[in-house]
Amino acid sequence: MVEVATASKADDQGYVVINGRRVRMISTRNSTAVKRKKRRRPDEAGATPAAEENKPTRTKLSKRELNMYRKLLLLKRAQIVGDLGAMEAEALRSNDGDLSSMPIHMADLGSDTYEQDFMLGMAESERQQIREIDEALQRIEDKTYGICQMTGKPIPKARLEAKPWAKYTIEAARQLEGTWGR
């Protein structure tokens, strides 16, 4: 025999238990129907600030401008990768057992070591710049390119043309430099 659900047995979400199963109660009467919560739209005044903070600001740059910056970034990346290969090859070149190029004096050996260390340090800074360019390319894909990651304000086009991988406005970058210097 089927158990008949009554309005008094419905829980606060509108479910009743019939034959050991939890099912949604359907009623034709308004008095027993469970009212659904109204969904808020993000643009309503009651939107939570935490949700707005987590949502990245989308770029206001046109598709054409984004493509121009993508080309600039890819060109710069290719140039740096070429320079990086040459730097590392120069720094790590071996003498192939050729003793004629071997320094005779200890000071010459120190100079060669310094040059090698200097070149490898420059190569590391070039690798860091490649990572920043890759991050900028990802921001273009995510449609967040040209927005300061600290303030959420648009980065001026003049700055993006000078440094297309920029993450921050000049003011935010100065602020960060001030906190890092302490």
Protein backbone atom coordinates (compact mmCIF):
# COMPACT_ATOMS: atom_id res chain seq x y z
CA MET A 1 0.00 0.00 0.00
CA VAL A 2 1.34 3.48 -0.86
CA GLU A 3 1.72 5.95 1.95
CA VAL A 4 0.02 9.24 1.18
CA ALA A 5 2.12 12.33 1.87
CA THR A 6 0.53 15.17 3.69
CA ALA A 7 1.63 18.77 3.73
CA SER A 8 2.64 18.52 7.35
CA LYS A 9 5.27 15.86 6.59
CA ALA A 10 7.17 17.94 4.01
CA ASP A 11 10.56 19.21 5.15
CA ASP A 12 11.83 22.75 4.59
CA GLN A 13 13.12 21.87 1.10
CA GLY A 14 9.81 20.39 -0.07
CA TYR A 15 10.70 16.70 0.19
CA VAL A 16 8.58 13.91 1.74
CA VAL A 17 9.36 10.28 2.50
CA ILE A 18 7.15 7.75 0.65
CA ASN A 19 7.84 4.03 1.03
CA GLY A 20 11.28 4.82 2.43
CA ARG A 21 12.27 7.09 -0.46
CA ARG A 22 12.76 10.83 -0.32
CA VAL A 23 10.85 12.55 -3.11
CA ARG A 24 9.88 16.12 -3.92
CA MET A 25 6.33 16.92 -3.01
CA ILE A 26 4.26 18.46 -5.77
CA SER A 27 1.16 20.37 -4.84
CA THR A 28 -1.40 22.27 -6.77
CA ARG A 29 -2.25 24.39 -3.76
CA ASN A 30 -0.14 27.50 -3.11
CA SER A 31 -0.34 27.11 0.63
CA THR A 32 1.65 23.87 0.64
CA ALA A 33 4.01 24.58 -2.22
CA VAL A 34 7.58 25.29 -1.24
CA LYS A 35 8.74 28.67 -2.46
CA ARG A 36 12.05 28.64 -4.28
CA LYS A 37 14.74 31.10 -3.45
CA LYS A 38 15.11 33.81 -6.01
CA ARG A 39 18.49 33.77 -7.71
CA ARG A 40 20.35 37.01 -7.56
CA ARG A 41 21.95 38.40 -10.59
CA PRO A 42 25.57 39.55 -10.20
CA ASP A 43 24.66 43.09 -11.19
CA GLU A 44 22.10 43.47 -8.37
CA ALA A 45 22.98 45.67 -5.41
CA GLY A 46 23.02 42.69 -3.03
CA ALA A 47 25.89 40.93 -4.82
CA THR A 48 28.58 39.76 -2.46
CA PRO A 49 31.87 41.68 -2.56
CA ALA A 50 33.88 38.46 -2.17
CA ALA A 51 32.47 37.11 -5.43
CA GLU A 52 33.39 40.33 -7.21
CA GLU A 53 36.94 40.25 -5.82
CA ASN A 54 37.54 36.69 -7.02
CA LYS A 55 36.20 37.38 -10.50
CA PRO A 56 39.03 38.74 -12.68
CA THR A 57 38.34 41.96 -14.53
CA ARG A 58 38.04 41.44 -18.25
CA THR A 59 40.09 43.50 -20.65
CA LYS A 60 38.62 46.46 -22.48
CA LEU A 61 41.07 46.02 -25.37
CA SER A 62 39.64 45.11 -28.77
CA LYS A 63 40.35 41.80 -30.47
CA ARG A 64 42.58 43.64 -32.96
CA GLU A 65 44.63 45.25 -30.17
CA LEU A 66 44.97 41.91 -28.36
CA ASN A 67 46.26 40.31 -31.58
CA MET A 68 48.76 43.16 -32.01
CA TYR A 69 50.07 42.65 -28.45
CA ARG A 70 50.16 38.86 -28.97
CA LYS A 71 52.35 39.38 -32.06
CA LEU A 72 54.62 41.77 -30.16
CA LEU A 73 54.99 39.26 -27.32
CA LEU A 74 55.69 36.34 -29.65
CA LEU A 75 58.27 38.37 -31.56
CA LYS A 76 60.04 39.41 -28.36
CA ARG A 77 59.88 35.82 -27.04
CA ALA A 78 61.48 34.45 -30.23
CA GLN A 79 64.22 37.08 -30.02
CA ILE A 80 64.98 36.26 -26.37
CA VAL A 81 64.97 32.50 -27.00
CA GLY A 82 67.54 33.00 -29.77
CA ASP A 83 69.70 35.21 -27.55
CA LEU A 84 69.34 32.77 -24.66
CA GLY A 85 70.62 29.87 -26.74
CA ALA A 86 73.67 31.88 -27.82
CA MET A 87 74.38 33.04 -24.25
CA GLU A 88 74.21 29.55 -22.78
CA ALA A 89 76.34 28.12 -25.57
CA GLU A 90 78.95 30.83 -24.97
CA ALA A 91 78.93 30.39 -21.21
CA LEU A 92 79.09 26.61 -21.31
CA ARG A 93 81.47 26.20 -24.24
CA SER A 94 84.09 23.59 -23.63
CA ASN A 95 87.68 23.82 -24.68
CA ASP A 96 87.57 20.29 -26.12
CA GLY A 97 90.94 19.57 -24.52
CA ASP A 98 92.60 22.42 -26.41
CA LEU A 99 95.32 23.61 -24.04
CA SER A 100 96.22 26.64 -26.20
CA SER A 101 93.13 28.48 -24.95
CA MET A 102 93.68 27.39 -21.35
CA PRO A 103 94.58 30.35 -19.13
CA ILE A 104 98.09 30.19 -17.77
CA HIS A 105 97.67 32.64 -14.91
CA MET A 106 95.25 32.18 -12.00
CA ALA A 107 93.81 35.66 -12.60
CA ASP A 108 92.86 34.62 -16.14
CA LEU A 109 91.12 31.55 -14.75
CA GLY A 110 89.22 33.78 -12.32
CA SER A 111 88.19 36.11 -15.13
CA ASP A 112 86.90 33.19 -17.21
CA THR A 113 84.91 31.88 -14.26
CA TYR A 114 83.47 35.34 -13.62
CA GLU A 115 82.45 35.69 -17.29
CA GLN A 116 80.80 32.29 -17.26
CA ASP A 117 78.91 33.08 -14.05
CA PHE A 118 77.88 36.48 -15.43
CA MET A 119 76.59 34.95 -18.68
CA LEU A 120 74.62 32.28 -16.81
CA GLY A 121 73.09 34.98 -14.57
CA MET A 122 72.03 36.95 -17.65
CA ALA A 123 70.59 33.77 -19.14
CA GLU A 124 68.52 33.24 -15.98
CA SER A 125 67.11 36.78 -16.18
CA GLU A 126 66.25 36.12 -19.84
CA ARG A 127 64.45 32.92 -18.80
CA GLN A 128 62.48 34.94 -16.24
CA GLN A 129 61.47 37.38 -18.96
CA ILE A 130 60.29 34.46 -21.12
CA ARG A 131 58.13 33.27 -18.20
CA GLU A 132 56.63 36.77 -17.89
CA ILE A 133 55.91 36.84 -21.63
CA ASP A 134 54.25 33.41 -21.39
CA GLU A 135 52.10 34.69 -18.50
CA ALA A 136 51.10 37.73 -20.58
CA LEU A 137 50.15 35.45 -23.49
CA GLN A 138 48.01 33.43 -21.07
CA ARG A 139 46.33 36.63 -19.85
CA ILE A 140 45.49 37.44 -23.49
CA GLU A 141 43.84 34.02 -23.80
CA ASP A 142 41.97 34.57 -20.50
CA LYS A 143 40.86 38.05 -21.66
CA THR A 144 42.47 39.69 -18.61
CA TYR A 145 45.43 41.22 -20.49
CA GLY A 146 46.02 44.93 -19.88
CA ILE A 147 44.48 44.89 -16.39
CA CYS A 148 46.68 45.59 -13.36
CA GLN A 149 46.88 42.47 -11.19
CA MET A 150 47.16 44.57 -8.05
CA THR A 151 44.58 47.32 -8.54
CA GLY A 152 42.31 45.93 -11.26
CA LYS A 153 42.66 49.17 -13.24
CA PRO A 154 43.52 49.21 -16.96
CA ILE A 155 47.24 49.47 -17.76
CA PRO A 156 47.86 52.45 -20.11
CA LYS A 157 48.51 51.49 -23.74
CA ALA A 158 51.79 53.44 -23.74
CA ARG A 159 53.09 51.15 -20.99
CA LEU A 160 51.88 48.03 -22.80
CA GLU A 161 53.61 49.15 -25.99
CA ALA A 162 56.88 49.77 -24.12
CA LYS A 163 56.62 46.62 -21.99
CA PRO A 164 53.93 44.31 -23.40
CA TRP A 165 54.39 41.75 -20.59
CA ALA A 166 53.60 44.33 -17.87
CA LYS A 167 51.35 43.01 -15.07
CA TYR A 168 50.98 46.25 -13.14
CA THR A 169 50.34 49.93 -13.73
CA ILE A 170 53.34 52.16 -13.05
CA GLU A 171 51.86 53.29 -9.73
CA ALA A 172 51.31 49.68 -8.56
CA ALA A 173 54.81 48.67 -9.71
CA ARG A 174 56.33 51.56 -7.73
CA GLN A 175 54.31 50.52 -4.70
CA LEU A 176 55.56 46.94 -5.02
CA GLU A 177 59.15 48.08 -5.45
CA GLY A 178 58.79 50.14 -2.27
CA THR A 179 57.55 47.13 -0.28
CA TRP A 180 60.17 44.80 -1.73
CA GLY A 181 63.00 47.22 -0.98
CA ARG A 182 62.22 47.21 2.76
